[in-house]
PDB file of N, CA and C in Angstrom:
ATOM      1  N   MET A   1       0.843  -1.182   0.000  1.00  0.00           N
ATOM      2  CA  MET A   1       0.000   0.000   0.000  1.00  0.00           C
ATOM      3  C   MET A   1       0.884   1.240   0.000  1.00  0.00           C
ATOM      4  N   LEU A   2       0.521   2.170  -0.845  1.00  0.00           N
ATOM      5  CA  LEU A   2       1.289   3.400  -0.948  1.00  0.00           C
ATOM      6  C   LEU A   2       0.887   4.381   0.149  1.00  0.00           C
ATOM      7  N   SER A   3       1.826   5.230   0.531  1.00  0.00           N
ATOM      8  CA  SER A   3       1.521   6.276   1.505  1.00  0.00           C
ATOM      9  C   SER A   3       0.656   7.347   0.826  1.00  0.00           C
ATOM     10  N   ASP A   4       0.058   8.199   1.617  1.00  0.00           N
ATOM     11  CA  ASP A   4      -0.777   9.271   1.064  1.00  0.00           C
ATOM     12  C   ASP A   4       0.020  10.159   0.118  1.00  0.00           C
ATOM     13  N   LEU A   5       1.247  10.489   0.482  1.00  0.00           N
ATOM     14  CA  LEU A   5       2.082  11.335  -0.360  1.00  0.00           C
ATOM     15  C   LEU A   5       2.400  10.626  -1.675  1.00  0.00           C
ATOM     16  N   GLU A   6       2.725   9.341  -1.619  1.00  0.00           N
ATOM     17  CA  GLU A   6       3.016   8.579  -2.834  1.00  0.00           C
ATOM     18  C   GLU A   6       1.787   8.490  -3.739  1.00  0.00           C
ATOM     19  N   LEU A   7       0.614   8.305  -3.141  1.00  0.00           N
ATOM     20  CA  LEU A   7      -0.622   8.268  -3.931  1.00  0.00           C
ATOM     21  C   LEU A   7      -0.872   9.603  -4.617  1.00  0.00           C
ATOM     22  N   LEU A   8      -0.666  10.691  -3.904  1.00  0.00           N
ATOM     23  CA  LEU A   8      -0.854  12.019  -4.475  1.00  0.00           C
ATOM     24  C   LEU A   8       0.115  12.262  -5.623  1.00  0.00           C
ATOM     25  N   GLN A   9       1.374  11.927  -5.433  1.00  0.00           N
ATOM     26  CA  GLN A   9       2.379  12.131  -6.482  1.00  0.00           C
ATOM     27  C   GLN A   9       2.079  11.267  -7.709  1.00  0.00           C
ATOM     28  N   SER A  10       1.681  10.031  -7.474  1.00  0.00           N
ATOM     29  CA  SER A  10       1.339   9.128  -8.565  1.00  0.00           C
ATOM     30  C   SER A  10       0.128   9.645  -9.336  1.00  0.00           C
ATOM     31  N   SER A  11      -0.883  10.105  -8.612  1.00  0.00           N
ATOM     32  CA  SER A  11      -2.081  10.653  -9.257  1.00  0.00           C
ATOM     33  C   SER A  11      -1.751  11.886 -10.091  1.00  0.00           C
ATOM     34  N   GLU A  12      -0.889  12.730  -9.575  1.00  0.00           N
ATOM     35  CA  GLU A  12      -0.490  13.930 -10.319  1.00  0.00           C
ATOM     36  C   GLU A  12       0.242  13.560 -11.607  1.00  0.00           C
ATOM     37  N   ARG A  13       1.147  12.585 -11.525  1.00  0.00           N
ATOM     38  CA  ARG A  13       1.869  12.136 -12.731  1.00  0.00           C
ATOM     39  C   ARG A  13       0.899  11.557 -13.746  1.00  0.00           C
ATOM     40  N   ASP A  14      -0.037  10.724 -13.281  1.00  0.00           N
ATOM     41  CA  ASP A  14      -0.992  10.110 -14.191  1.00  0.00           C
ATOM     42  C   ASP A  14      -1.945  11.137 -14.791  1.00  0.00           C
ATOM     43  N   LEU A  15      -2.329  12.144 -14.031  1.00  0.00           N
ATOM     44  CA  LEU A  15      -3.187  13.194 -14.567  1.00  0.00           C
ATOM     45  C   LEU A  15      -2.461  14.007 -15.633  1.00  0.00           C
ATOM     46  N   ARG A  16      -1.187  14.308 -15.405  1.00  0.00           N
ATOM     47  CA  ARG A  16      -0.391  15.009 -16.433  1.00  0.00           C
ATOM     48  C   ARG A  16      -0.296  14.154 -17.695  1.00  0.00           C
ATOM     49  N   TRP A  17      -0.053  12.848 -17.543  1.00  0.00           N
ATOM     50  CA  TRP A  17       0.025  11.942 -18.687  1.00  0.00           C
ATOM     51  C   TRP A  17      -1.319  11.908 -19.420  1.00  0.00           C
ATOM     52  N   PHE A  18      -2.419  11.811 -18.659  1.00  0.00           N
ATOM     53  CA  PHE A  18      -3.745  11.795 -19.255  1.00  0.00           C
ATOM     54  C   PHE A  18      -3.990  13.060 -20.072  1.00  0.00           C
ATOM     55  N   ASN A  19      -3.691  14.214 -19.500  1.00  0.00           N
ATOM     56  CA  ASN A  19      -3.904  15.476 -20.209  1.00  0.00           C
ATOM     57  C   ASN A  19      -3.045  15.576 -21.466  1.00  0.00           C
ATOM     58  N   ALA A  20      -1.815  15.110 -21.405  1.00  0.00           N
ATOM     59  CA  ALA A  20      -0.917  15.167 -22.557  1.00  0.00           C
ATOM     60  C   ALA A  20      -1.324  14.190 -23.655  1.00  0.00           C
ATOM     61  N   ASN A  21      -2.025  13.127 -23.296  1.00  0.00           N
ATOM     62  CA  ASN A  21      -2.384  12.078 -24.258  1.00  0.00           C
ATOM     63  C   ASN A  21      -3.890  11.939 -24.461  1.00  0.00           C
ATOM     64  N   SER A  22      -4.646  12.964 -24.102  1.00  0.00           N
ATOM     65  CA  SER A  22      -6.103  12.858 -24.123  1.00  0.00           C
ATOM     66  C   SER A  22      -6.671  12.584 -25.513  1.00  0.00           C
ATOM     67  N   ASP A  23      -6.074  13.134 -26.557  1.00  0.00           N
ATOM     68  CA  ASP A  23      -6.582  12.874 -27.912  1.00  0.00           C
ATOM     69  C   ASP A  23      -6.446  11.400 -28.277  1.00  0.00           C
ATOM     70  N   MET A  24      -5.294  10.819 -28.020  1.00  0.00           N
ATOM     71  CA  MET A  24      -5.067   9.397 -28.307  1.00  0.00           C
ATOM     72  C   MET A  24      -5.979   8.521 -27.452  1.00  0.00           C
ATOM     73  N   ILE A  25      -6.126   8.869 -26.192  1.00  0.00           N
ATOM     74  CA  ILE A  25      -6.982   8.102 -25.289  1.00  0.00           C
ATOM     75  C   ILE A  25      -8.435   8.184 -25.764  1.00  0.00           C
ATOM     76  N   ARG A  26      -8.874   9.373 -26.148  1.00  0.00           N
ATOM     77  CA  ARG A  26     -10.251   9.558 -26.624  1.00  0.00           C
ATOM     78  C   ARG A  26     -10.516   8.701 -27.860  1.00  0.00           C
ATOM     79  N   GLU A  27      -9.572   8.636 -28.786  1.00  0.00           N
ATOM     80  CA  GLU A  27      -9.745   7.829 -29.997  1.00  0.00           C
ATOM     81  C   GLU A  27      -9.976   6.359 -29.671  1.00  0.00           C
ATOM     82  N   LYS A  28      -9.258   5.848 -28.702  1.00  0.00           N
ATOM     83  CA  LYS A  28      -9.330   4.425 -28.373  1.00  0.00           C
ATOM     84  C   LYS A  28     -10.439   4.075 -27.389  1.00  0.00           C
ATOM     85  N   PHE A  29     -10.802   5.008 -26.499  1.00  0.00           N
ATOM     86  CA  PHE A  29     -11.669   4.673 -25.377  1.00  0.00           C
ATOM     87  C   PHE A  29     -12.906   5.564 -25.240  1.00  0.00           C
ATOM     88  N   VAL A  30     -13.324   6.226 -26.313  1.00  0.00           N
ATOM     89  CA  VAL A  30     -14.480   7.118 -26.225  1.00  0.00           C
ATOM     90  C   VAL A  30     -15.701   6.343 -25.719  1.00  0.00           C
ATOM     91  N   GLY A  31     -16.411   6.960 -24.772  1.00  0.00           N
ATOM     92  CA  GLY A  31     -17.590   6.340 -24.198  1.00  0.00           C
ATOM     93  C   GLY A  31     -17.300   5.336 -23.087  1.00  0.00           C
ATOM     94  N   LYS A  32     -16.049   5.203 -22.714  1.00  0.00           N
ATOM     95  CA  LYS A  32     -15.635   4.246 -21.685  1.00  0.00           C
ATOM     96  C   LYS A  32     -15.184   4.987 -20.424  1.00  0.00           C
ATOM     97  N   ILE A  33     -15.041   4.207 -19.371  1.00  0.00           N
ATOM     98  CA  ILE A  33     -14.406   4.670 -18.141  1.00  0.00           C
ATOM     99  C   ILE A  33     -13.058   3.963 -18.100  1.00  0.00           C
ATOM    100  N   VAL A  34     -11.975   4.711 -17.891  1.00  0.00           N
ATOM    101  CA  VAL A  34     -10.643   4.112 -17.906  1.00  0.00           C
ATOM    102  C   VAL A  34      -9.959   4.254 -16.554  1.00  0.00           C
ATOM    103  N   ALA A  35      -9.085   3.303 -16.279  1.00  0.00           N
ATOM    104  CA  ALA A  35      -8.227   3.354 -15.094  1.00  0.00           C
ATOM    105  C   ALA A  35      -6.798   3.534 -15.599  1.00  0.00           C
ATOM    106  N   ILE A  36      -6.127   4.544 -15.086  1.00  0.00           N
ATOM    107  CA  ILE A  36      -4.776   4.883 -15.523  1.00  0.00           C
ATOM    108  C   ILE A  36      -3.825   4.700 -14.350  1.00  0.00           C
ATOM    109  N   LYS A  37      -2.708   4.033 -14.634  1.00  0.00           N
ATOM    110  CA  LYS A  37      -1.679   3.838 -13.610  1.00  0.00           C
ATOM    111  C   LYS A  37      -0.320   3.832 -14.293  1.00  0.00           C
ATOM    112  N   ASP A  38       0.619   4.558 -13.712  1.00  0.00           N
ATOM    113  CA  ASP A  38       1.989   4.606 -14.211  1.00  0.00           C
ATOM    114  C   ASP A  38       2.057   4.985 -15.693  1.00  0.00           C
ATOM    115  N   GLY A  39       1.225   5.949 -16.078  1.00  0.00           N
ATOM    116  CA  GLY A  39       1.289   6.468 -17.434  1.00  0.00           C
ATOM    117  C   GLY A  39       0.737   5.552 -18.505  1.00  0.00           C
ATOM    118  N   CYS A  40      -0.229   4.701 -18.162  1.00  0.00           N
ATOM    119  CA  CYS A  40      -0.885   3.901 -19.197  1.00  0.00           C
ATOM    120  C   CYS A  40      -2.286   3.514 -18.724  1.00  0.00           C
ATOM    121  N   VAL A  41      -3.140   3.230 -19.685  1.00  0.00           N
ATOM    122  CA  VAL A  41      -4.483   2.764 -19.374  1.00  0.00           C
ATOM    123  C   VAL A  41      -4.368   1.287 -19.026  1.00  0.00           C
ATOM    124  N   VAL A  42      -4.695   0.937 -17.796  1.00  0.00           N
ATOM    125  CA  VAL A  42      -4.568  -0.459 -17.358  1.00  0.00           C
ATOM    126  C   VAL A  42      -5.854  -1.241 -17.544  1.00  0.00           C
ATOM    127  N   GLU A  43      -7.006  -0.539 -17.589  1.00  0.00           N
ATOM    128  CA  GLU A  43      -8.294  -1.196 -17.808  1.00  0.00           C
ATOM    129  C   GLU A  43      -9.297  -0.176 -18.305  1.00  0.00           C
ATOM    130  N   SER A  44     -10.338  -0.670 -18.969  1.00  0.00           N
ATOM    131  CA  SER A  44     -11.451   0.175 -19.374  1.00  0.00           C
ATOM    132  C   SER A  44     -12.724  -0.646 -19.292  1.00  0.00           C
ATOM    133  N   ALA A  45     -13.852   0.060 -19.165  1.00  0.00           N
ATOM    134  CA  ALA A  45     -15.146  -0.617 -19.096  1.00  0.00           C
ATOM    135  C   ALA A  45     -16.233   0.368 -19.495  1.00  0.00           C
ATOM    136  N   GLY A  46     -17.422  -0.157 -19.695  1.00  0.00           N
ATOM    137  CA  GLY A  46     -18.548   0.662 -20.104  1.00  0.00           C
ATOM    138  C   GLY A  46     -19.142   1.509 -18.997  1.00  0.00           C
ATOM    139  N   ASN A  47     -18.927   1.092 -17.741  1.00  0.00           N
ATOM    140  CA  ASN A  47     -19.418   1.891 -16.616  1.00  0.00           C
ATOM    141  C   ASN A  47     -18.501   1.671 -15.412  1.00  0.00           C
ATOM    142  N   ILE A  48     -18.695   2.509 -14.409  1.00  0.00           N
ATOM    143  CA  ILE A  48     -17.797   2.491 -13.251  1.00  0.00           C
ATOM    144  C   ILE A  48     -17.882   1.176 -12.483  1.00  0.00           C
ATOM    145  N   ASN A  49     -19.078   0.606 -12.365  1.00  0.00           N
ATOM    146  CA  ASN A  49     -19.204  -0.647 -11.619  1.00  0.00           C
ATOM    147  C   ASN A  49     -18.429  -1.773 -12.296  1.00  0.00           C
ATOM    148  N   GLU A  50     -18.527  -1.856 -13.622  1.00  0.00           N
ATOM    149  CA  GLU A  50     -17.763  -2.869 -14.359  1.00  0.00           C
ATOM    150  C   GLU A  50     -16.262  -2.660 -14.170  1.00  0.00           C
ATOM    151  N   LEU A  51     -15.836  -1.415 -14.253  1.00  0.00           N
ATOM    152  CA  LEU A  51     -14.412  -1.114 -14.112  1.00  0.00           C
ATOM    153  C   LEU A  51     -13.904  -1.517 -12.732  1.00  0.00           C
ATOM    154  N   LEU A  52     -14.645  -1.160 -11.702  1.00  0.00           N
ATOM    155  CA  LEU A  52     -14.222  -1.501 -10.345  1.00  0.00           C
ATOM    156  C   LEU A  52     -14.167  -3.012 -10.149  1.00  0.00           C
ATOM    157  N   GLU A  53     -15.098  -3.738 -10.742  1.00  0.00           N
ATOM    158  CA  GLU A  53     -15.103  -5.197 -10.642  1.00  0.00           C
ATOM    159  C   GLU A  53     -13.883  -5.802 -11.341  1.00  0.00           C
ATOM    160  N   VAL A  54     -13.552  -5.304 -12.524  1.00  0.00           N
ATOM    161  CA  VAL A  54     -12.375  -5.805 -13.249  1.00  0.00           C
ATOM    162  C   VAL A  54     -11.100  -5.510 -12.472  1.00  0.00           C
ATOM    163  N   LEU A  55     -10.999  -4.302 -11.928  1.00  0.00           N
ATOM    164  CA  LEU A  55      -9.818  -3.952 -11.128  1.00  0.00           C
ATOM    165  C   LEU A  55      -9.687  -4.889  -9.936  1.00  0.00           C
ATOM    166  N   LYS A  56     -10.802  -5.148  -9.269  1.00  0.00           N
ATOM    167  CA  LYS A  56     -10.786  -6.036  -8.113  1.00  0.00           C
ATOM    168  C   LYS A  56     -10.329  -7.437  -8.497  1.00  0.00           C
ATOM    169  N   LYS A  57     -10.861  -7.965  -9.610  1.00  0.00           N
ATOM    170  CA  LYS A  57     -10.488  -9.311 -10.062  1.00  0.00           C
ATOM    171  C   LYS A  57      -9.008  -9.399 -10.413  1.00  0.00           C
ATOM    172  N   LYS A  58      -8.454  -8.308 -10.916  1.00  0.00           N
ATOM    173  CA  LYS A  58      -7.040  -8.286 -11.292  1.00  0.00           C
ATOM    174  C   LYS A  58      -6.129  -7.929 -10.125  1.00  0.00           C
ATOM    175  N   GLY A  59      -6.708  -7.659  -8.965  1.00  0.00           N
ATOM    176  CA  GLY A  59      -5.902  -7.317  -7.798  1.00  0.00           C
ATOM    177  C   GLY A  59      -5.313  -5.919  -7.850  1.00  0.00           C
ATOM    178  N   ILE A  60      -5.949  -5.035  -8.608  1.00  0.00           N
ATOM    179  CA  ILE A  60      -5.479  -3.652  -8.714  1.00  0.00           C
ATOM    180  C   ILE A  60      -6.284  -2.811  -7.729  1.00  0.00           C
ATOM    181  N   ASP A  61      -5.585  -2.167  -6.805  1.00  0.00           N
ATOM    182  CA  ASP A  61      -6.226  -1.330  -5.793  1.00  0.00           C
ATOM    183  C   ASP A  61      -6.783  -0.074  -6.463  1.00  0.00           C
ATOM    184  N   GLN A  62      -8.087   0.126  -6.361  1.00  0.00           N
ATOM    185  CA  GLN A  62      -8.711   1.267  -7.023  1.00  0.00           C
ATOM    186  C   GLN A  62      -8.200   2.601  -6.502  1.00  0.00           C
ATOM    187  N   SER A  63      -7.651   2.631  -5.300  1.00  0.00           N
ATOM    188  CA  SER A  63      -7.109   3.881  -4.769  1.00  0.00           C
ATOM    189  C   SER A  63      -5.773   4.235  -5.408  1.00  0.00           C
ATOM    190  N   GLU A  64      -5.188   3.304  -6.151  1.00  0.00           N
ATOM    191  CA  GLU A  64      -3.885   3.540  -6.758  1.00  0.00           C
ATOM    192  C   GLU A  64      -3.970   3.818  -8.251  1.00  0.00           C
ATOM    193  N   VAL A  65      -5.192   4.043  -8.766  1.00  0.00           N
ATOM    194  CA  VAL A  65      -5.358   4.373 -10.180  1.00  0.00           C
ATOM    195  C   VAL A  65      -6.137   5.669 -10.312  1.00  0.00           C
ATOM    196  N   LEU A  66      -5.914   6.335 -11.418  1.00  0.00           N
ATOM    197  CA  LEU A  66      -6.694   7.512 -11.779  1.00  0.00           C
ATOM    198  C   LEU A  66      -7.840   7.015 -12.650  1.00  0.00           C
ATOM    199  N   ILE A  67      -9.061   7.357 -12.301  1.00  0.00           N
ATOM    200  CA  ILE A  67     -10.225   6.906 -13.058  1.00  0.00           C
ATOM    201  C   ILE A  67     -10.830   8.110 -13.758  1.00  0.00           C
ATOM    202  N   GLU A  68     -11.017   7.967 -15.077  1.00  0.00           N
ATOM    203  CA  GLU A  68     -11.544   9.058 -15.897  1.00  0.00           C
ATOM    204  C   GLU A  68     -12.606   8.537 -16.845  1.00  0.00           C
ATOM    205  N   ALA A  69     -13.658   9.333 -17.049  1.00  0.00           N
ATOM    206  CA  ALA A  69     -14.672   9.050 -18.064  1.00  0.00           C
ATOM    207  C   ALA A  69     -14.225   9.718 -19.360  1.00  0.00           C
ATOM    208  N   ILE A  70     -14.273   8.978 -20.452  1.00  0.00           N
ATOM    209  CA  ILE A  70     -13.820   9.503 -21.744  1.00  0.00           C
ATOM    210  C   ILE A  70     -15.032   9.841 -22.600  1.00  0.00           C
ATOM    211  N   SER A  71     -15.311  11.110 -22.715  1.00  0.00           N
ATOM    212  CA  SER A  71     -16.449  11.567 -23.506  1.00  0.00           C
ATOM    213  C   SER A  71     -15.978  12.019 -24.887  1.00  0.00           C
ATOM    214  N   PRO A  72     -16.892  12.057 -25.854  1.00  0.00           N
ATOM    215  CA  PRO A  72     -16.515  12.556 -27.187  1.00  0.00           C
ATOM    216  C   PRO A  72     -15.970  13.979 -27.100  1.00  0.00           C
ATOM    217  N   ALA A  73     -15.154  14.364 -28.056  1.00  0.00           N
ATOM    218  CA  ALA A  73     -14.475  15.649 -28.041  1.00  0.00           C
ATOM    219  C   ALA A  73     -15.458  16.828 -27.988  1.00  0.00           C
ATOM    220  N   ASN A  74     -16.622  16.690 -28.600  1.00  0.00           N
ATOM    221  CA  ASN A  74     -17.562  17.808 -28.658  1.00  0.00           C
ATOM    222  C   ASN A  74     -18.613  17.746 -27.542  1.00  0.00           C
ATOM    223  N   GLU A  75     -18.428  16.898 -26.578  1.00  0.00           N
ATOM    224  CA  GLU A  75     -19.392  16.734 -25.485  1.00  0.00           C
ATOM    225  C   GLU A  75     -18.830  17.327 -24.201  1.00  0.00           C
ATOM    226  N   ILE A  76     -19.686  18.018 -23.464  1.00  0.00           N
ATOM    227  CA  ILE A  76     -19.296  18.608 -22.188  1.00  0.00           C
ATOM    228  C   ILE A  76     -19.966  17.814 -21.087  1.00  0.00           C
ATOM    229  N   THR A  77     -19.184  17.406 -20.082  1.00  0.00           N
ATOM    230  CA  THR A  77     -19.719  16.656 -18.950  1.00  0.00           C
ATOM    231  C   THR A  77     -19.755  17.567 -17.731  1.00  0.00           C
ATOM    232  N   ILE A  78     -20.913  17.646 -17.099  1.00  0.00           N
ATOM    233  CA  ILE A  78     -21.065  18.446 -15.896  1.00  0.00           C
ATOM    234  C   ILE A  78     -21.264  17.487 -14.735  1.00  0.00           C
ATOM    235  N   LEU A  79     -20.386  17.573 -13.751  1.00  0.00           N
ATOM    236  CA  LEU A  79     -20.474  16.683 -12.594  1.00  0.00           C
ATOM    237  C   LEU A  79     -21.131  17.375 -11.433  1.00  0.00           C
TER     238      LEU A  79
END
């Protein structure tokens, strides 16, 4: 298990990677929810529940991944 500081630093690195590669990620994963770890997409699914289940089955701690919804380029998501 990573410390809080390590989790924060890892999340920041993955968010920077996501932002720098968002066009490529959107092309491959539009309409999906993705889990990003160490600068790569480790899993994707059609909804958050499916993604969390796949992560659990693979032994990937959901607190150690960045989870992002990939919407089409011309779509705005309001949370």
